[in-house]
């Protein structure tokens, strides 16, 4: 049975493609949503772009007929399976003492009104948790927009464990590889720990590479960019980061697990020391934690310097080389890297439309990006570039995203079957005992 889906403003702000995401069902846009979109259409960010795209699409549909009566969408190759879109004006008011000057209440009122008039099921779609609570209290069926969501509880880790016999492990080491075992759930460039069935302390690690499970290369990922990995997971990450055949690497982990440091170490090793890439390009979403302190003075570099300070902190740590170099020498080296364009800091706003060849690109805090933003950024990579996305889906500052709907989680799940992608989840904080205690207990 066909359904009617009433969309909240934040669904369209999250994804302009949401209008076409409900198959052959009816999509209803309350007039209040159109009014709210008008406030975002001039924004030069992802919200503004999604708004303008959605408004253009709705305007194109208007030419087919009156939006108030409903028009066919072009969301299926089969015209019989296309959905429809209708713009509805709120009438009357919600029960109780609801303030109808509040936009959310007028949107809810449309859903309630349609429930009373329509014969088909009516479902309200919103990404606003509080609004979902209000809808539920009014007996309005409500759902989150899940078209671009993944199951965060089952996010691909890039690592698997497989019990085997001691004979299997001996043959694995003797040959240097084994064919991919049946029943093993692992994507290309993933890692597997073989555990002896008779002795769980007897283990060995293999790498799913070139269509088979190979023994880890001798010395691979052990000393990169002046650092030595503190855990097996960090070594796995460095192997992925330094393999030129792997063009996209995603690193997920809690605070202090070394995501950014590992990415920068690999960048310094390959772009600065070995000249495999022309430069290091670093970017991160401009999303503050807590209250913003207002506009920053200066030009682009000065403004970005504040947001990129975690990057500088990690680079200084790498270049101090265990305290052998003084801080002034390190800062001078960093200034030289920027002056000679070996290191470039860029705002995500200016990534759009670019083609970026032969660069080692790091997108830090990628959990604050939408799936569409991640698609836009990754599609900028030119020939010879390597792109690294790091983040923690448990630490999201974007109010429209969560652990399941953010762009980093989305990329991990959509790319896990591709040979050009590698992923590892770093589960332990290595920054300090205090940082580890904070990550696990606070």
Protein backbone atom coordinates (compact mmCIF):
# COMPACT_ATOMS: atom_id res chain seq x y z
CA UNK A 1 0.00 0.00 0.00
CA UNK A 2 1.29 3.42 -0.93
CA UNK A 3 2.13 5.88 1.83
CA UNK A 4 2.31 9.63 2.30
CA UNK A 5 5.58 10.99 3.70
CA UNK A 6 5.57 14.49 5.19
CA UNK A 7 9.10 15.95 5.15
CA UNK A 8 10.56 18.29 7.74
CA UNK A 9 12.90 21.10 6.66
CA UNK A 10 16.01 19.45 8.09
CA UNK A 11 15.52 16.38 5.86
CA UNK A 12 15.91 18.53 2.74
CA UNK A 13 18.79 20.47 4.31
CA UNK A 14 20.52 17.15 4.99
CA UNK A 15 20.05 15.83 1.45
CA UNK A 16 18.49 17.46 -1.61
CA UNK A 17 17.98 13.93 -2.97
CA UNK A 18 15.48 13.22 -0.19
CA UNK A 19 12.62 14.31 -2.48
CA UNK A 20 13.33 11.26 -4.67
CA UNK A 21 14.07 8.78 -1.89
CA UNK A 22 10.57 7.43 -1.20
CA UNK A 23 10.02 5.25 -4.29
CA UNK A 24 6.43 5.29 -5.60
CA UNK A 25 4.94 6.94 -2.52
CA UNK A 26 3.66 10.49 -2.13
CA UNK A 27 5.99 13.16 -0.71
CA UNK A 28 4.33 16.12 0.98
CA UNK A 29 6.16 19.40 1.56
CA UNK A 30 4.36 21.68 4.03
CA UNK A 31 4.27 25.33 2.97
CA UNK A 32 6.14 26.16 6.18
CA UNK A 33 9.07 24.08 4.93
CA UNK A 34 9.18 26.15 1.72
CA UNK A 35 9.24 29.30 3.87
CA UNK A 36 12.05 27.94 6.05
CA UNK A 37 14.11 26.91 3.01
CA UNK A 38 14.00 30.52 1.87
CA UNK A 39 16.17 31.42 4.88
CA UNK A 40 18.96 29.07 3.75
CA UNK A 41 19.03 29.59 -0.02
CA UNK A 42 21.78 32.25 0.08
CA UNK A 43 24.10 30.29 2.38
CA UNK A 44 27.45 29.42 0.81
CA UNK A 45 27.66 26.07 2.56
CA UNK A 46 26.24 22.58 2.18
CA UNK A 47 22.88 23.64 3.65
CA UNK A 48 22.60 26.41 1.09
CA UNK A 49 23.56 24.15 -1.81
CA UNK A 50 21.04 21.49 -0.77
CA UNK A 51 18.38 24.19 -0.41
CA UNK A 52 19.01 25.67 -3.86
CA UNK A 53 19.06 22.24 -5.48
CA UNK A 54 15.77 21.24 -3.85
CA UNK A 55 14.08 24.53 -4.72
CA UNK A 56 15.17 24.21 -8.36
CA UNK A 57 13.80 20.66 -8.45
CA UNK A 58 10.46 21.72 -6.96
CA UNK A 59 10.25 24.63 -9.40
CA UNK A 60 10.85 22.26 -12.33
CA UNK A 61 8.02 20.03 -11.07
CA UNK A 62 5.73 23.08 -10.91
CA UNK A 63 5.80 23.21 -14.71
CA UNK A 64 4.11 19.79 -14.83
CA UNK A 65 1.03 20.99 -12.99
CA UNK A 66 -0.26 22.55 -9.75
CA UNK A 67 1.92 21.55 -6.79
CA UNK A 68 -1.13 21.82 -4.54
CA UNK A 69 -2.75 18.89 -6.38
CA UNK A 70 0.44 16.84 -6.69
CA UNK A 71 2.80 16.17 -9.60
CA UNK A 72 4.74 13.11 -10.71
CA UNK A 73 8.39 12.79 -9.69
CA UNK A 74 11.08 11.47 -12.02
CA UNK A 75 12.53 9.05 -9.46
CA UNK A 76 12.21 5.79 -11.39
CA UNK A 77 12.91 4.63 -14.98
CA UNK A 78 9.45 3.05 -14.90
CA UNK A 79 6.80 5.83 -15.00
CA UNK A 80 4.37 3.56 -13.14
CA UNK A 81 6.77 3.35 -10.19
CA UNK A 82 7.40 7.08 -9.89
CA UNK A 83 6.28 8.83 -6.75
CA UNK A 84 4.60 12.20 -6.51
CA UNK A 85 5.15 15.49 -4.69
CA UNK A 86 2.57 17.84 -3.22
CA UNK A 87 2.84 21.15 -1.35
CA UNK A 88 0.26 21.48 1.43
CA UNK A 89 -0.80 24.53 3.44
CA UNK A 90 -1.52 24.00 7.13
CA UNK A 91 -5.15 24.45 8.14
CA UNK A 92 -6.63 24.69 11.62
CA UNK A 93 -4.46 24.01 14.63
CA UNK A 94 -3.09 21.18 16.69
CA UNK A 95 -5.04 20.06 19.71
CA UNK A 96 -4.16 21.56 23.07
CA UNK A 97 -2.36 24.86 23.59
CA UNK A 98 0.16 24.50 20.76
CA UNK A 99 1.55 27.82 19.54
CA UNK A 100 0.87 27.90 15.78
CA UNK A 101 3.35 30.74 15.31
CA UNK A 102 6.05 28.07 15.81
CA UNK A 103 7.12 26.60 12.47
CA UNK A 104 7.54 23.06 13.86
CA UNK A 105 3.94 23.06 15.09
CA UNK A 106 2.61 24.12 11.68
CA UNK A 107 4.58 21.32 10.04
CA UNK A 108 3.23 18.80 12.55
CA UNK A 109 -0.24 20.16 11.93
CA UNK A 110 0.04 19.26 8.23
CA UNK A 111 0.90 15.67 9.15
CA UNK A 112 -1.98 15.49 11.64
CA UNK A 113 -4.40 17.02 9.15
CA UNK A 114 -3.44 14.51 6.43
CA UNK A 115 -3.83 11.63 8.87
CA UNK A 116 -7.46 12.65 9.38
CA UNK A 117 -8.20 13.18 5.67
CA UNK A 118 -6.13 10.61 3.78
CA UNK A 119 -6.99 6.94 3.46
CA UNK A 120 -3.36 5.89 3.03
CA UNK A 121 -0.84 5.77 5.95
CA UNK A 122 0.83 9.11 6.76
CA UNK A 123 4.40 9.16 8.15
CA UNK A 124 6.28 12.24 9.32
CA UNK A 125 10.03 12.29 8.47
CA UNK A 126 12.41 14.45 10.50
CA UNK A 127 15.99 14.40 11.71
CA UNK A 128 15.08 16.53 14.73
CA UNK A 129 14.97 14.26 17.79
CA UNK A 130 12.85 16.69 19.81
CA UNK A 131 10.35 17.00 16.98
CA UNK A 132 10.11 13.20 16.79
CA UNK A 133 9.15 13.23 20.47
CA UNK A 134 6.49 15.88 19.87
CA UNK A 135 5.10 13.93 16.90
CA UNK A 136 4.93 10.74 18.93
CA UNK A 137 3.06 12.52 21.73
CA UNK A 138 0.47 13.57 19.11
CA UNK A 139 0.14 9.97 17.83
CA UNK A 140 1.73 10.92 14.51
CA UNK A 141 3.82 8.05 13.04
CA UNK A 142 7.35 9.45 12.79
CA UNK A 143 10.69 8.21 11.42
CA UNK A 144 14.22 9.44 10.90
CA UNK A 145 15.47 9.91 7.33
CA UNK A 146 17.48 6.73 6.80
CA UNK A 147 18.24 6.74 3.08
CA UNK A 148 21.95 7.52 3.62
CA UNK A 149 22.36 5.77 6.96
CA UNK A 150 24.42 2.77 7.95
CA UNK A 151 24.26 0.55 11.02
CA UNK A 152 26.84 2.21 13.28
CA UNK A 153 26.79 -0.75 15.69
CA UNK A 154 27.99 -3.04 12.91
CA UNK A 155 30.38 -0.63 11.17
CA UNK A 156 33.06 -2.45 9.19
CA UNK A 157 36.27 -2.58 11.27
CA UNK A 158 38.75 -3.73 8.62
CA UNK A 159 39.80 -6.55 10.95
CA UNK A 160 38.59 -10.09 11.59
CA UNK A 161 39.57 -13.06 13.77
CA UNK A 162 39.57 -16.65 12.50
CA UNK A 163 40.29 -19.83 14.54
CA UNK A 164 42.58 -22.20 12.59
CA UNK A 165 44.76 -25.23 13.21
CA UNK A 166 48.45 -25.05 14.01
CA UNK A 167 49.13 -26.84 10.71
CA UNK A 168 47.27 -24.07 8.84
CA UNK A 169 49.45 -21.43 10.50
CA UNK A 170 52.64 -23.31 9.66
CA UNK A 171 51.63 -23.60 6.01
CA UNK A 172 50.69 -19.90 5.98
CA UNK A 173 54.15 -18.86 7.15
CA UNK A 174 55.92 -21.36 4.90
CA UNK A 175 54.14 -20.23 1.71
CA UNK A 176 53.77 -16.58 2.67
CA UNK A 177 50.09 -16.60 1.75
CA UNK A 178 46.87 -18.63 1.75
CA UNK A 179 43.81 -18.43 -0.46
CA UNK A 180 40.93 -16.44 0.97
CA UNK A 181 39.16 -18.70 3.51
CA UNK A 182 35.48 -19.42 2.91
CA UNK A 183 33.09 -17.71 5.28
CA UNK A 184 35.52 -14.96 6.25
CA UNK A 185 33.80 -11.55 6.29
CA UNK A 186 36.56 -9.19 5.23
CA UNK A 187 36.94 -6.57 2.51
CA UNK A 188 39.99 -5.96 0.31
CA UNK A 189 43.03 -4.66 2.22
CA UNK A 190 41.55 -5.89 5.49
CA UNK A 191 43.50 -7.76 8.15
CA UNK A 192 42.80 -11.11 9.77
CA UNK A 193 44.22 -12.58 12.95
CA UNK A 194 44.58 -16.35 12.78
CA UNK A 195 44.21 -17.91 16.24
CA UNK A 196 45.40 -21.42 17.02
CA UNK A 197 42.37 -23.45 18.14
CA UNK A 198 44.53 -25.39 20.60
CA UNK A 199 46.34 -22.34 22.02
CA UNK A 200 44.59 -18.98 21.84
CA UNK A 201 47.86 -17.21 22.69
CA UNK A 202 49.41 -18.53 19.46
CA UNK A 203 48.36 -16.01 16.79
CA UNK A 204 49.55 -14.53 13.51
CA UNK A 205 48.23 -11.74 11.33
CA UNK A 206 47.58 -11.76 7.60
CA UNK A 207 46.65 -9.08 5.10
CA UNK A 208 43.97 -9.54 2.43
CA UNK A 209 45.96 -8.24 -0.51
CA UNK A 210 45.89 -9.02 -4.24
CA UNK A 211 43.01 -11.47 -3.79
CA UNK A 212 44.65 -13.63 -1.12
CA UNK A 213 45.71 -13.49 2.54
CA UNK A 214 49.41 -12.61 2.71
CA UNK A 215 51.90 -12.56 5.57
CA UNK A 216 52.57 -8.99 6.68
CA UNK A 217 55.62 -7.67 4.79
CA UNK A 218 58.75 -7.66 6.94
CA UNK A 219 59.19 -4.22 8.51
CA UNK A 220 56.05 -2.80 6.88
CA UNK A 221 54.40 -0.12 8.99
CA UNK A 222 57.01 -0.34 11.75
CA UNK A 223 58.89 2.96 11.33
CA UNK A 224 57.13 5.67 9.35
CA UNK A 225 57.70 9.43 9.43
CA UNK A 226 59.71 9.28 12.62
CA UNK A 227 57.20 7.27 14.68
CA UNK A 228 56.88 3.64 15.71
CA UNK A 229 53.36 2.17 16.13
CA UNK A 230 52.34 1.37 19.70
CA UNK A 231 49.80 -1.30 18.77
CA UNK A 232 49.04 -3.83 16.06
CA UNK A 233 46.12 -1.68 14.90
CA UNK A 234 48.40 1.33 14.44
CA UNK A 235 50.82 -0.80 12.43
CA UNK A 236 47.94 -1.98 10.23
CA UNK A 237 46.93 1.65 9.69
CA UNK A 238 50.48 2.62 8.67
CA UNK A 239 50.61 -0.28 6.19
CA UNK A 240 47.45 1.03 4.54
CA UNK A 241 48.66 4.62 4.65
CA UNK A 242 51.96 3.82 2.95
CA UNK A 243 50.68 1.52 0.20
CA UNK A 244 50.49 3.61 -3.00
CA UNK A 245 47.95 1.22 -4.55
CA UNK A 246 45.40 2.08 -1.84
CA UNK A 247 43.97 5.45 -2.89
CA UNK A 248 41.46 5.96 -0.05
CA UNK A 249 42.11 5.13 3.60
CA UNK A 250 39.57 5.65 6.38
CA UNK A 251 40.64 5.63 10.03
CA UNK A 252 38.03 5.50 12.79
CA UNK A 253 38.88 5.64 16.46
CA UNK A 254 38.33 7.36 19.77
CA UNK A 255 40.24 10.43 20.91
CA UNK A 256 43.94 9.75 21.34
CA UNK A 257 44.03 6.59 19.21
CA UNK A 258 46.49 8.25 16.82
CA UNK A 259 44.35 8.73 13.70
CA UNK A 260 45.65 12.19 12.76
CA UNK A 261 49.22 11.54 13.89
CA UNK A 262 49.47 8.34 11.82
CA UNK A 263 48.04 10.08 8.74
CA UNK A 264 50.49 12.98 9.07
CA UNK A 265 53.44 10.65 9.69
CA UNK A 266 52.65 8.79 6.47
CA UNK A 267 52.20 12.11 4.67
CA UNK A 268 55.59 13.43 5.82
CA UNK A 269 57.31 10.14 4.95
CA UNK A 270 55.88 9.93 1.43
CA UNK A 271 55.41 13.55 0.35
CA UNK A 272 58.34 15.29 2.07
CA UNK A 273 60.98 12.56 2.52
CA UNK A 274 60.31 10.37 -0.55
CA UNK A 275 58.68 12.88 -2.95
CA UNK A 276 55.93 10.45 -3.94
CA UNK A 277 53.41 13.31 -3.80
CA UNK A 278 53.79 16.97 -4.67
CA UNK A 279 52.41 18.25 -1.38
CA UNK A 280 50.35 17.51 1.71
CA UNK A 281 46.85 19.00 1.65
CA UNK A 282 45.03 19.11 5.00
CA UNK A 283 41.44 20.15 5.59
CA UNK A 284 38.79 19.71 8.25
CA UNK A 285 35.19 20.85 8.76
CA UNK A 286 34.80 24.22 10.46
CA UNK A 287 32.45 22.98 13.17
CA UNK A 288 33.09 24.33 16.70
CA UNK A 289 32.63 22.29 19.87
CA UNK A 290 30.44 24.29 22.24
CA UNK A 291 29.82 28.01 21.80
CA UNK A 292 31.65 29.73 18.97
CA UNK A 293 33.94 32.64 19.99
CA UNK A 294 32.94 34.73 16.99
CA UNK A 295 34.69 35.87 13.83
CA UNK A 296 38.44 35.33 13.57
CA UNK A 297 40.69 38.22 12.43
CA UNK A 298 43.08 38.10 9.49
CA UNK A 299 43.14 36.46 6.08
CA UNK A 300 42.36 32.87 5.15
CA UNK A 301 45.60 31.43 6.54
CA UNK A 302 45.23 33.26 9.84
CA UNK A 303 41.62 32.11 10.22
CA UNK A 304 42.47 28.53 9.29
CA UNK A 305 45.43 28.54 11.66
CA UNK A 306 43.08 28.45 14.64
CA UNK A 307 41.08 25.49 13.28
CA UNK A 308 44.21 23.68 12.11
CA UNK A 309 46.09 23.92 15.40
CA UNK A 310 45.64 20.18 16.12
CA UNK A 311 47.39 19.53 12.78
CA UNK A 312 50.30 21.79 13.75
CA UNK A 313 50.52 20.12 17.17
CA UNK A 314 50.92 16.71 15.54
CA UNK A 315 53.41 17.97 12.94
CA UNK A 316 55.51 19.58 15.66
CA UNK A 317 55.53 16.31 17.56
CA UNK A 318 56.68 14.42 14.46
CA UNK A 319 59.41 16.89 13.58
CA UNK A 320 60.80 17.17 17.10
CA UNK A 321 61.87 13.54 16.60
CA UNK A 322 61.76 12.56 20.25
CA UNK A 323 62.81 15.96 21.52
CA UNK A 324 66.03 16.10 19.48
CA UNK A 325 65.00 19.37 17.79
CA UNK A 326 64.04 22.56 19.58
CA UNK A 327 60.63 24.16 19.12
CA UNK A 328 61.95 27.17 17.20
CA UNK A 329 63.67 24.99 14.60
CA UNK A 330 60.50 22.93 14.16
CA UNK A 331 58.30 26.01 13.68
CA UNK A 332 60.75 27.39 11.13
CA UNK A 333 60.58 24.08 9.25
CA UNK A 334 56.77 24.20 9.27
CA UNK A 335 56.84 27.78 7.94
CA UNK A 336 59.19 26.66 5.16
CA UNK A 337 56.86 23.79 4.25
CA UNK A 338 53.97 26.25 3.85
CA UNK A 339 56.09 28.82 2.03
CA UNK A 340 57.34 26.28 -0.52
CA UNK A 341 53.83 24.76 -0.86
CA UNK A 342 54.85 21.39 0.54
CA UNK A 343 52.03 21.80 3.07
CA UNK A 344 48.71 23.39 2.16
CA UNK A 345 45.83 24.09 4.52
CA UNK A 346 42.48 24.50 2.82
CA UNK A 347 38.92 25.18 3.91
CA UNK A 348 36.42 22.60 2.71
CA UNK A 349 34.45 25.42 1.11
CA UNK A 350 37.24 25.90 -1.44
CA UNK A 351 37.70 22.20 -2.21
CA UNK A 352 34.51 22.12 -4.25
CA UNK A 353 35.17 22.33 -7.98
CA UNK A 354 38.88 21.60 -7.73
CA UNK A 355 40.83 18.74 -9.29
CA UNK A 356 43.69 17.72 -7.00
CA UNK A 357 46.36 15.48 -8.61
CA UNK A 358 49.47 13.96 -6.96
CA UNK A 359 48.71 15.13 -3.46
CA UNK A 360 48.47 13.41 -0.09
CA UNK A 361 45.08 14.66 1.13
CA UNK A 362 43.98 14.41 4.77
CA UNK A 363 40.39 15.17 5.78
CA UNK A 364 40.41 15.34 9.56
CA UNK A 365 37.26 15.14 11.72
CA UNK A 366 35.37 13.67 8.75
CA UNK A 367 32.56 12.49 11.03
CA UNK A 368 31.19 16.06 10.87
CA UNK A 369 30.60 15.77 7.11
CA UNK A 370 27.42 14.65 5.40
CA UNK A 371 27.52 11.75 2.92
CA UNK A 372 27.07 14.26 0.09
CA UNK A 373 29.97 16.38 1.34
CA UNK A 374 32.22 13.32 1.50
CA UNK A 375 31.22 12.40 -2.05
CA UNK A 376 32.00 15.93 -3.21
CA UNK A 377 35.44 15.93 -1.54
CA UNK A 378 36.55 12.42 -2.53
CA UNK A 379 35.52 13.09 -6.14
CA UNK A 380 38.08 15.96 -6.21
CA UNK A 381 41.02 13.51 -6.08
CA UNK A 382 43.01 13.58 -9.31
CA UNK A 383 45.49 11.09 -10.74
CA UNK A 384 48.19 10.04 -8.32
CA UNK A 385 46.46 11.41 -5.21
CA UNK A 386 45.84 9.55 -1.97
CA UNK A 387 43.00 10.56 0.34
CA UNK A 388 42.80 9.88 4.07
CA UNK A 389 39.62 10.41 6.11
CA UNK A 390 39.90 10.31 9.89
CA UNK A 391 37.32 10.75 12.62
CA UNK A 392 35.30 9.40 15.50
CA UNK A 393 31.58 8.81 14.81
CA UNK A 394 30.99 8.99 18.58
CA UNK A 395 32.12 12.64 18.64
CA UNK A 396 29.89 14.55 16.25
CA UNK A 397 29.38 18.32 16.56
CA UNK A 398 27.13 18.69 13.49
CA UNK A 399 23.52 18.92 14.77
CA UNK A 400 22.12 17.21 11.66
CA UNK A 401 24.34 14.09 11.88
CA UNK A 402 24.76 11.07 14.13
CA UNK A 403 26.89 7.93 14.25
CA UNK A 404 24.80 6.31 11.51
CA UNK A 405 24.23 9.20 9.10
CA UNK A 406 27.63 10.92 8.97
CA UNK A 407 29.75 10.84 5.83
CA UNK A 408 32.70 8.96 7.34
CA UNK A 409 30.60 5.96 8.40
CA UNK A 410 28.81 6.10 5.04
CA UNK A 411 32.09 5.96 3.11
CA UNK A 412 33.44 3.07 5.20
CA UNK A 413 30.40 0.91 4.42
CA UNK A 414 30.10 1.91 0.75
CA UNK A 415 33.82 1.49 -0.02
CA UNK A 416 34.62 -1.63 2.02
CA UNK A 417 34.38 -3.92 -1.03
CA UNK A 418 36.69 -1.82 -3.23
CA UNK A 419 40.33 -2.74 -3.91
CA UNK A 420 41.37 0.93 -3.81
CA UNK A 421 40.11 1.39 -0.23
CA UNK A 422 41.53 0.35 3.11
CA UNK A 423 40.04 0.80 6.56
CA UNK A 424 40.99 0.14 10.16
CA UNK A 425 39.25 0.92 13.43
CA UNK A 426 41.64 1.99 16.19
CA UNK A 427 40.07 0.87 19.45
CA UNK A 428 42.62 1.95 22.05
CA UNK A 429 43.78 5.42 23.06
CA UNK A 430 47.57 5.69 22.89
CA UNK A 431 47.96 9.41 23.68
CA UNK A 432 48.49 8.99 27.41
CA UNK A 433 47.08 6.98 30.34
CA UNK A 434 44.99 10.01 31.29
CA UNK A 435 43.57 10.40 27.76
CA UNK A 436 42.78 6.67 27.65
CA UNK A 437 41.00 6.90 31.00
CA UNK A 438 38.95 9.88 29.78
CA UNK A 439 37.98 8.13 26.54
CA UNK A 440 36.87 4.97 28.33
CA UNK A 441 35.26 6.35 31.49
CA UNK A 442 33.87 9.83 30.77
